[in-house]
């Protein structure tokens, strides 16, 4: 299996519901490093997994939709605990939608899996992986 990973970052504000979250129930900020990993069994006709420039551009477009936002006020996330795990899935699903629409080029249609990891710090992160 071949893979290519691109990285961006995102800064958001949000709060959680539920005692399990302790003080994070109050509004707080979070800054995440966001890694998107694209996987495929065989390289495309150009011997690449995906165009890294296009992959970086599309990841940037996805995170820019959320960057500097209070997710508590975003209609897509109304009433949802936007945990790190949940946000990794949201980013992966939005990237997958862009791949299906051709935003990463025709060669990217051979990508079989996508993984998104949000790094909360140098010691804690969460990921979501999905098939395409």
C-alpha atoms as a PDB file:
ATOM      1  CA  UNK A   1       0.000   0.000   0.000  1.00  0.00           C
ATOM      2  CA  UNK A   2       1.331   3.432  -0.972  1.00  0.00           C
ATOM      3  CA  UNK A   3       0.510   6.598   0.950  1.00  0.00           C
ATOM      4  CA  UNK A   4       0.993  10.342   0.822  1.00  0.00           C
ATOM      5  CA  UNK A   5       0.335  12.649   3.768  1.00  0.00           C
ATOM      6  CA  UNK A   6      -0.222  16.398   3.686  1.00  0.00           C
ATOM      7  CA  UNK A   7      -0.546  18.680   6.705  1.00  0.00           C
ATOM      8  CA  UNK A   8      -2.379  21.862   7.674  1.00  0.00           C
ATOM      9  CA  UNK A   9      -3.697  23.316  10.908  1.00  0.00           C
ATOM     10  CA  UNK A  10      -6.939  24.614  12.309  1.00  0.00           C
ATOM     11  CA  UNK A  11      -7.947  26.849  15.213  1.00  0.00           C
ATOM     12  CA  UNK A  12     -11.468  26.504  16.562  1.00  0.00           C
ATOM     13  CA  UNK A  13     -13.560  27.261  19.627  1.00  0.00           C
ATOM     14  CA  UNK A  14     -16.191  24.923  21.050  1.00  0.00           C
ATOM     15  CA  UNK A  15     -17.720  23.547  24.219  1.00  0.00           C
ATOM     16  CA  UNK A  16     -18.910  20.103  25.245  1.00  0.00           C
ATOM     17  CA  UNK A  17     -21.979  18.732  26.993  1.00  0.00           C
ATOM     18  CA  UNK A  18     -21.535  16.017  29.592  1.00  0.00           C
ATOM     19  CA  UNK A  19     -19.746  15.646  32.885  1.00  0.00           C
ATOM     20  CA  UNK A  20     -17.085  13.430  31.280  1.00  0.00           C
ATOM     21  CA  UNK A  21     -15.674  16.630  29.727  1.00  0.00           C
ATOM     22  CA  UNK A  22     -15.114  18.441  33.043  1.00  0.00           C
ATOM     23  CA  UNK A  23     -13.946  22.034  32.505  1.00  0.00           C
ATOM     24  CA  UNK A  24     -14.117  21.574  28.698  1.00  0.00           C
ATOM     25  CA  UNK A  25     -17.872  21.977  29.066  1.00  0.00           C
ATOM     26  CA  UNK A  26     -17.117  25.702  29.047  1.00  0.00           C
ATOM     27  CA  UNK A  27     -16.251  27.457  25.811  1.00  0.00           C
ATOM     28  CA  UNK A  28     -12.565  26.928  25.008  1.00  0.00           C
ATOM     29  CA  UNK A  29     -10.206  27.055  22.073  1.00  0.00           C
ATOM     30  CA  UNK A  30      -8.256  24.303  20.370  1.00  0.00           C
ATOM     31  CA  UNK A  31      -5.492  24.312  17.795  1.00  0.00           C
ATOM     32  CA  UNK A  32      -4.949  21.128  15.808  1.00  0.00           C
ATOM     33  CA  UNK A  33      -2.336  19.966  13.342  1.00  0.00           C
ATOM     34  CA  UNK A  34      -4.323  18.163  10.653  1.00  0.00           C
ATOM     35  CA  UNK A  35      -2.750  15.307   8.678  1.00  0.00           C
ATOM     36  CA  UNK A  36      -4.572  13.796   5.719  1.00  0.00           C
ATOM     37  CA  UNK A  37      -3.164  10.499   4.424  1.00  0.00           C
ATOM     38  CA  UNK A  38      -4.223   9.172   1.028  1.00  0.00           C
ATOM     39  CA  UNK A  39      -3.693   5.446   0.322  1.00  0.00           C
ATOM     40  CA  UNK A  40      -3.782   3.281  -2.775  1.00  0.00           C
ATOM     41  CA  UNK A  41      -2.629  -0.186  -3.814  1.00  0.00           C
ATOM     42  CA  UNK A  42      -0.905   0.877  -7.035  1.00  0.00           C
ATOM     43  CA  UNK A  43       0.559   4.158  -8.200  1.00  0.00           C
ATOM     44  CA  UNK A  44      -1.253   6.020 -10.968  1.00  0.00           C
ATOM     45  CA  UNK A  45       0.044   6.455 -14.512  1.00  0.00           C
ATOM     46  CA  UNK A  46       2.382   9.220 -13.277  1.00  0.00           C
ATOM     47  CA  UNK A  47       3.742   6.968 -10.491  1.00  0.00           C
ATOM     48  CA  UNK A  48       2.142   9.015  -7.718  1.00  0.00           C
ATOM     49  CA  UNK A  49      -0.534   8.405  -5.091  1.00  0.00           C
ATOM     50  CA  UNK A  50      -2.015  11.868  -5.514  1.00  0.00           C
ATOM     51  CA  UNK A  51      -0.824  15.284  -6.607  1.00  0.00           C
ATOM     52  CA  UNK A  52       0.570  16.642  -3.319  1.00  0.00           C
ATOM     53  CA  UNK A  53      -0.130  20.218  -4.363  1.00  0.00           C
ATOM     54  CA  UNK A  54      -3.789  19.500  -5.056  1.00  0.00           C
ATOM     55  CA  UNK A  55      -4.066  17.422  -1.876  1.00  0.00           C
ATOM     56  CA  UNK A  56      -2.627  20.298   0.173  1.00  0.00           C
ATOM     57  CA  UNK A  57      -4.912  22.786  -1.548  1.00  0.00           C
ATOM     58  CA  UNK A  58      -8.050  20.737  -0.902  1.00  0.00           C
ATOM     59  CA  UNK A  59      -7.137  20.005   2.717  1.00  0.00           C
ATOM     60  CA  UNK A  60      -6.574  23.745   3.156  1.00  0.00           C
ATOM     61  CA  UNK A  61      -9.978  24.484   1.653  1.00  0.00           C
ATOM     62  CA  UNK A  62     -11.686  22.010   4.002  1.00  0.00           C
ATOM     63  CA  UNK A  63     -10.034  23.316   7.158  1.00  0.00           C
ATOM     64  CA  UNK A  64     -10.561  26.950   6.120  1.00  0.00           C
ATOM     65  CA  UNK A  65     -14.320  26.309   6.294  1.00  0.00           C
ATOM     66  CA  UNK A  66     -13.870  25.633  10.030  1.00  0.00           C
ATOM     67  CA  UNK A  67     -10.860  27.763  10.938  1.00  0.00           C
ATOM     68  CA  UNK A  68     -11.411  30.604  13.427  1.00  0.00           C
ATOM     69  CA  UNK A  69     -14.992  29.469  14.006  1.00  0.00           C
ATOM     70  CA  UNK A  70     -16.919  28.743  17.160  1.00  0.00           C
ATOM     71  CA  UNK A  71     -18.224  25.318  16.177  1.00  0.00           C
ATOM     72  CA  UNK A  72     -21.069  25.683  18.688  1.00  0.00           C
ATOM     73  CA  UNK A  73     -22.495  28.298  16.295  1.00  0.00           C
ATOM     74  CA  UNK A  74     -22.043  26.324  13.078  1.00  0.00           C
ATOM     75  CA  UNK A  75     -25.297  24.780  11.755  1.00  0.00           C
ATOM     76  CA  UNK A  76     -23.525  21.566  10.652  1.00  0.00           C
ATOM     77  CA  UNK A  77     -22.500  20.928  14.261  1.00  0.00           C
ATOM     78  CA  UNK A  78     -25.571  22.129  16.162  1.00  0.00           C
ATOM     79  CA  UNK A  79     -26.055  20.107  19.342  1.00  0.00           C
ATOM     80  CA  UNK A  80     -23.023  17.870  18.633  1.00  0.00           C
ATOM     81  CA  UNK A  81     -19.985  17.350  20.846  1.00  0.00           C
ATOM     82  CA  UNK A  82     -17.263  18.232  18.345  1.00  0.00           C
ATOM     83  CA  UNK A  83     -14.631  15.968  19.874  1.00  0.00           C
ATOM     84  CA  UNK A  84     -11.280  15.501  18.195  1.00  0.00           C
ATOM     85  CA  UNK A  85     -12.442  12.121  16.905  1.00  0.00           C
ATOM     86  CA  UNK A  86     -15.660  13.612  15.508  1.00  0.00           C
ATOM     87  CA  UNK A  87     -13.771  16.443  13.797  1.00  0.00           C
ATOM     88  CA  UNK A  88     -11.316  13.977  12.217  1.00  0.00           C
ATOM     89  CA  UNK A  89     -14.306  12.221  10.633  1.00  0.00           C
ATOM     90  CA  UNK A  90     -15.860  15.513   9.513  1.00  0.00           C
ATOM     91  CA  UNK A  91     -12.642  16.549   7.762  1.00  0.00           C
ATOM     92  CA  UNK A  92     -12.207  13.082   6.186  1.00  0.00           C
ATOM     93  CA  UNK A  93     -15.783  13.041   4.897  1.00  0.00           C
ATOM     94  CA  UNK A  94     -15.428  16.521   3.393  1.00  0.00           C
ATOM     95  CA  UNK A  95     -12.156  15.518   1.710  1.00  0.00           C
ATOM     96  CA  UNK A  96     -13.743  12.320   0.382  1.00  0.00           C
ATOM     97  CA  UNK A  97     -16.558  14.376  -1.120  1.00  0.00           C
ATOM     98  CA  UNK A  98     -14.000  16.538  -2.921  1.00  0.00           C
ATOM     99  CA  UNK A  99     -12.163  13.458  -4.220  1.00  0.00           C
ATOM    100  CA  UNK A 100     -15.425  12.017  -5.565  1.00  0.00           C
ATOM    101  CA  UNK A 101     -16.157  15.331  -7.326  1.00  0.00           C
ATOM    102  CA  UNK A 102     -12.737  15.211  -9.022  1.00  0.00           C
ATOM    103  CA  UNK A 103     -11.058  18.077  -7.137  1.00  0.00           C
ATOM    104  CA  UNK A 104      -7.817  16.075  -6.769  1.00  0.00           C
ATOM    105  CA  UNK A 105      -7.749  15.079 -10.428  1.00  0.00           C
ATOM    106  CA  UNK A 106      -8.779  11.971 -12.306  1.00  0.00           C
ATOM    107  CA  UNK A 107      -5.762  10.026 -11.070  1.00  0.00           C
ATOM    108  CA  UNK A 108      -7.008  10.426  -7.496  1.00  0.00           C
ATOM    109  CA  UNK A 109      -9.994   8.217  -8.294  1.00  0.00           C
ATOM    110  CA  UNK A 110      -7.666   5.275  -7.601  1.00  0.00           C
ATOM    111  CA  UNK A 111      -7.281   6.263  -3.944  1.00  0.00           C
ATOM    112  CA  UNK A 112      -8.759   3.452  -1.877  1.00  0.00           C
ATOM    113  CA  UNK A 113      -8.569   4.916   1.636  1.00  0.00           C
ATOM    114  CA  UNK A 114      -8.222   8.216   3.419  1.00  0.00           C
ATOM    115  CA  UNK A 115      -7.128   8.824   6.996  1.00  0.00           C
ATOM    116  CA  UNK A 116      -7.317  12.123   8.877  1.00  0.00           C
ATOM    117  CA  UNK A 117      -5.450  12.700  12.133  1.00  0.00           C
ATOM    118  CA  UNK A 118      -5.972  15.727  14.355  1.00  0.00           C
ATOM    119  CA  UNK A 119      -3.068  16.336  16.723  1.00  0.00           C
ATOM    120  CA  UNK A 120      -4.201  18.119  19.890  1.00  0.00           C
ATOM    121  CA  UNK A 121      -0.652  18.235  21.203  1.00  0.00           C
ATOM    122  CA  UNK A 122       2.667  16.453  20.856  1.00  0.00           C
ATOM    123  CA  UNK A 123       1.332  13.671  23.105  1.00  0.00           C
ATOM    124  CA  UNK A 124      -2.335  13.261  22.088  1.00  0.00           C
ATOM    125  CA  UNK A 125      -4.156  12.832  18.772  1.00  0.00           C
ATOM    126  CA  UNK A 126      -7.144  11.119  17.211  1.00  0.00           C
ATOM    127  CA  UNK A 127      -7.730   9.683  13.744  1.00  0.00           C
ATOM    128  CA  UNK A 128     -10.503   8.547  11.467  1.00  0.00           C
ATOM    129  CA  UNK A 129      -9.940   6.276   8.481  1.00  0.00           C
ATOM    130  CA  UNK A 130     -12.419   5.522   5.747  1.00  0.00           C
ATOM    131  CA  UNK A 131     -12.579   3.688   2.465  1.00  0.00           C
ATOM    132  CA  UNK A 132     -13.280   5.601  -0.722  1.00  0.00           C
END
